[in-house]
Amino acid sequence: MLKKVCPYCGSASFSSTTLGDPWLCPNCQEDISHIPVEIPTPKPMADVPVKPENLAGNAKEFFQNLSLTLLIFIE
């Protein structure tokens, strides 16, 4: 993921590539192709305790939904 900060309005813009069309600021629509790219620094994720019962419930629900989706797709 690449990042540029628009010098015209100060908004951050993100892209997965520098190839292709001009890089336009999503806020003010100015061409910021000439601005050097930055590699954004990831922020640490929140330290949230995971409860085993939540994982089990989510996994069970996931597989139930997957089974229903497969049945609908097969029919």
N, C-alpha and C. Protein backbone atom coordinates (compact mmCIF):
# COMPACT_ATOMS: atom_id res chain seq x y z
N MET A 1 0.85 -1.17 0.00
CA MET A 1 0.00 0.00 0.00
C MET A 1 0.90 1.23 0.00
N LEU A 2 0.58 2.14 -0.89
CA LEU A 2 1.35 3.37 -1.02
C LEU A 2 0.49 4.56 -0.60
N LYS A 3 1.15 5.59 -0.16
CA LYS A 3 0.44 6.77 0.35
C LYS A 3 1.07 8.02 -0.22
N LYS A 4 0.23 8.99 -0.53
CA LYS A 4 0.68 10.33 -0.88
C LYS A 4 -0.16 11.31 -0.09
N VAL A 5 0.46 12.43 0.28
CA VAL A 5 -0.26 13.51 0.95
C VAL A 5 -0.36 14.65 -0.03
N CYS A 6 -1.57 15.08 -0.30
CA CYS A 6 -1.82 16.13 -1.27
C CYS A 6 -1.29 17.47 -0.74
N PRO A 7 -0.42 18.14 -1.52
CA PRO A 7 0.10 19.43 -1.07
C PRO A 7 -0.93 20.56 -1.21
N TYR A 8 -2.00 20.31 -1.93
CA TYR A 8 -3.01 21.33 -2.15
C TYR A 8 -4.04 21.41 -1.02
N CYS A 9 -4.44 20.21 -0.51
CA CYS A 9 -5.48 20.22 0.53
C CYS A 9 -5.07 19.46 1.80
N GLY A 10 -3.95 18.73 1.73
CA GLY A 10 -3.46 18.03 2.92
C GLY A 10 -4.07 16.65 3.15
N SER A 11 -4.95 16.19 2.26
CA SER A 11 -5.58 14.87 2.42
C SER A 11 -4.61 13.76 2.06
N ALA A 12 -4.75 12.64 2.74
CA ALA A 12 -3.97 11.46 2.41
C ALA A 12 -4.69 10.66 1.34
N SER A 13 -3.91 10.07 0.44
CA SER A 13 -4.45 9.24 -0.63
C SER A 13 -3.66 7.94 -0.65
N PHE A 14 -4.35 6.82 -0.83
CA PHE A 14 -3.71 5.51 -0.79
C PHE A 14 -3.96 4.77 -2.10
N SER A 15 -2.96 3.98 -2.53
CA SER A 15 -3.09 3.18 -3.74
C SER A 15 -2.22 1.94 -3.61
N SER A 16 -2.56 0.91 -4.38
CA SER A 16 -1.75 -0.30 -4.37
C SER A 16 -0.69 -0.28 -5.48
N THR A 17 -0.76 0.71 -6.37
CA THR A 17 0.20 0.80 -7.48
C THR A 17 0.42 2.24 -7.89
N THR A 18 1.53 2.48 -8.56
CA THR A 18 1.79 3.81 -9.14
C THR A 18 1.63 3.77 -10.65
N LEU A 19 1.23 2.64 -11.20
CA LEU A 19 1.07 2.50 -12.64
C LEU A 19 -0.30 3.00 -13.09
N GLY A 20 -0.41 3.33 -14.36
CA GLY A 20 -1.71 3.67 -14.92
C GLY A 20 -1.99 5.15 -14.97
N ASP A 21 -3.24 5.49 -14.76
CA ASP A 21 -3.73 6.86 -14.89
C ASP A 21 -3.05 7.79 -13.89
N PRO A 22 -3.23 9.11 -14.09
CA PRO A 22 -2.69 10.04 -13.09
C PRO A 22 -3.28 9.77 -11.71
N TRP A 23 -2.50 10.03 -10.71
CA TRP A 23 -2.93 9.85 -9.32
C TRP A 23 -3.62 11.13 -8.90
N LEU A 24 -4.94 11.08 -8.76
CA LEU A 24 -5.71 12.25 -8.37
C LEU A 24 -6.05 12.20 -6.90
N CYS A 25 -5.98 13.34 -6.25
CA CYS A 25 -6.37 13.44 -4.84
C CYS A 25 -7.86 13.13 -4.72
N PRO A 26 -8.25 12.24 -3.81
CA PRO A 26 -9.67 11.90 -3.67
C PRO A 26 -10.51 13.05 -3.10
N ASN A 27 -9.85 14.05 -2.52
CA ASN A 27 -10.58 15.16 -1.90
C ASN A 27 -10.76 16.34 -2.87
N CYS A 28 -9.65 16.82 -3.44
CA CYS A 28 -9.73 18.02 -4.28
C CYS A 28 -9.55 17.74 -5.77
N GLN A 29 -9.28 16.48 -6.13
CA GLN A 29 -9.14 16.05 -7.53
C GLN A 29 -7.93 16.64 -8.25
N GLU A 30 -6.96 17.20 -7.51
CA GLU A 30 -5.73 17.68 -8.14
C GLU A 30 -4.83 16.49 -8.49
N ASP A 31 -4.05 16.63 -9.56
CA ASP A 31 -3.10 15.59 -9.96
C ASP A 31 -1.91 15.62 -9.01
N ILE A 32 -1.71 14.53 -8.28
CA ILE A 32 -0.58 14.45 -7.34
C ILE A 32 0.41 13.36 -7.77
N SER A 33 0.42 13.07 -9.08
CA SER A 33 1.33 12.05 -9.61
C SER A 33 2.79 12.40 -9.34
N HIS A 34 3.13 13.68 -9.33
CA HIS A 34 4.51 14.13 -9.15
C HIS A 34 4.98 14.08 -7.68
N ILE A 35 4.07 13.87 -6.75
CA ILE A 35 4.42 13.83 -5.32
C ILE A 35 5.04 12.47 -5.00
N PRO A 36 6.15 12.43 -4.27
CA PRO A 36 6.77 11.14 -3.92
C PRO A 36 5.84 10.29 -3.05
N VAL A 37 5.90 8.99 -3.28
CA VAL A 37 5.08 8.07 -2.48
C VAL A 37 5.73 7.83 -1.13
N GLU A 38 4.89 7.54 -0.17
CA GLU A 38 5.34 7.16 1.17
C GLU A 38 4.82 5.75 1.42
N ILE A 39 5.49 5.02 2.27
CA ILE A 39 4.97 3.73 2.72
C ILE A 39 4.36 4.00 4.09
N PRO A 40 3.03 3.87 4.20
CA PRO A 40 2.39 4.19 5.49
C PRO A 40 2.84 3.24 6.58
N THR A 41 3.01 3.78 7.76
CA THR A 41 3.38 2.94 8.90
C THR A 41 2.11 2.40 9.53
N PRO A 42 2.02 1.07 9.65
CA PRO A 42 0.81 0.50 10.24
C PRO A 42 0.72 0.82 11.72
N LYS A 43 -0.49 1.08 12.15
CA LYS A 43 -0.72 1.34 13.56
C LYS A 43 -0.93 0.01 14.28
N PRO A 44 -0.54 -0.08 15.54
CA PRO A 44 -0.76 -1.34 16.26
C PRO A 44 -2.25 -1.61 16.44
N MET A 45 -2.59 -2.87 16.37
CA MET A 45 -3.99 -3.25 16.57
C MET A 45 -4.33 -3.11 18.04
N ALA A 46 -5.60 -2.93 18.32
CA ALA A 46 -6.05 -2.81 19.70
C ALA A 46 -5.80 -4.12 20.43
N ASP A 47 -5.41 -4.03 21.65
CA ASP A 47 -5.15 -5.21 22.46
C ASP A 47 -6.46 -5.67 23.09
N VAL A 48 -7.20 -6.48 22.35
CA VAL A 48 -8.50 -6.94 22.81
C VAL A 48 -8.39 -8.42 23.14
N PRO A 49 -8.77 -8.81 24.35
CA PRO A 49 -8.69 -10.23 24.68
C PRO A 49 -9.70 -11.04 23.87
N VAL A 50 -9.27 -12.20 23.42
CA VAL A 50 -10.14 -13.08 22.64
C VAL A 50 -10.68 -14.16 23.56
N LYS A 51 -12.00 -14.29 23.56
CA LYS A 51 -12.63 -15.31 24.39
C LYS A 51 -12.89 -16.55 23.55
N PRO A 52 -12.51 -17.72 24.04
CA PRO A 52 -12.71 -18.95 23.26
C PRO A 52 -14.16 -19.18 22.85
N GLU A 53 -15.11 -18.82 23.69
CA GLU A 53 -16.52 -19.04 23.34
C GLU A 53 -16.93 -18.18 22.14
N ASN A 54 -16.31 -17.00 22.00
CA ASN A 54 -16.61 -16.16 20.84
C ASN A 54 -16.07 -16.79 19.56
N LEU A 55 -14.89 -17.38 19.63
CA LEU A 55 -14.33 -18.03 18.46
C LEU A 55 -15.17 -19.22 18.04
N ALA A 56 -15.59 -20.01 18.99
CA ALA A 56 -16.39 -21.19 18.68
C ALA A 56 -17.71 -20.79 18.05
N GLY A 57 -18.35 -19.78 18.58
CA GLY A 57 -19.62 -19.32 18.04
C GLY A 57 -19.45 -18.78 16.63
N ASN A 58 -18.40 -18.01 16.40
CA ASN A 58 -18.18 -17.45 15.08
C ASN A 58 -17.86 -18.53 14.06
N ALA A 59 -17.06 -19.51 14.44
CA ALA A 59 -16.72 -20.61 13.54
C ALA A 59 -17.96 -21.42 13.21
N LYS A 60 -18.78 -21.71 14.21
CA LYS A 60 -19.99 -22.48 13.99
C LYS A 60 -20.92 -21.74 13.03
N GLU A 61 -21.12 -20.46 13.26
CA GLU A 61 -21.98 -19.66 12.40
C GLU A 61 -21.41 -19.59 10.97
N PHE A 62 -20.10 -19.45 10.87
CA PHE A 62 -19.46 -19.39 9.56
C PHE A 62 -19.73 -20.65 8.76
N PHE A 63 -19.53 -21.82 9.37
CA PHE A 63 -19.72 -23.07 8.65
C PHE A 63 -21.19 -23.35 8.35
N GLN A 64 -22.09 -22.89 9.21
CA GLN A 64 -23.51 -23.04 8.91
C GLN A 64 -23.88 -22.20 7.68
N ASN A 65 -23.40 -20.98 7.63
CA ASN A 65 -23.67 -20.12 6.48
C ASN A 65 -23.02 -20.66 5.22
N LEU A 66 -21.83 -21.22 5.36
CA LEU A 66 -21.15 -21.81 4.21
C LEU A 66 -21.93 -22.99 3.68
N SER A 67 -22.44 -23.84 4.57
CA SER A 67 -23.24 -24.99 4.16
C SER A 67 -24.49 -24.55 3.42
N LEU A 68 -25.17 -23.53 3.92
CA LEU A 68 -26.36 -23.03 3.25
C LEU A 68 -26.03 -22.46 1.87
N THR A 69 -24.92 -21.75 1.79
CA THR A 69 -24.50 -21.17 0.52
C THR A 69 -24.20 -22.27 -0.50
N LEU A 70 -23.52 -23.32 -0.07
CA LEU A 70 -23.19 -24.42 -0.96
C LEU A 70 -24.45 -25.14 -1.42
N LEU A 71 -25.41 -25.33 -0.52
CA LEU A 71 -26.65 -26.00 -0.90
C LEU A 71 -27.41 -25.18 -1.93
N ILE A 72 -27.45 -23.88 -1.75
CA ILE A 72 -28.15 -23.01 -2.70
C ILE A 72 -27.43 -23.05 -4.05
N PHE A 73 -26.11 -23.03 -4.02
CA PHE A 73 -25.32 -23.02 -5.25
C PHE A 73 -25.49 -24.33 -6.01
N ILE A 74 -25.52 -25.45 -5.32
CA ILE A 74 -25.63 -26.77 -5.95
C ILE A 74 -27.02 -26.96 -6.56
N GLU A 75 -28.04 -26.50 -5.87
CA GLU A 75 -29.41 -26.66 -6.38
C GLU A 75 -29.59 -25.77 -7.55
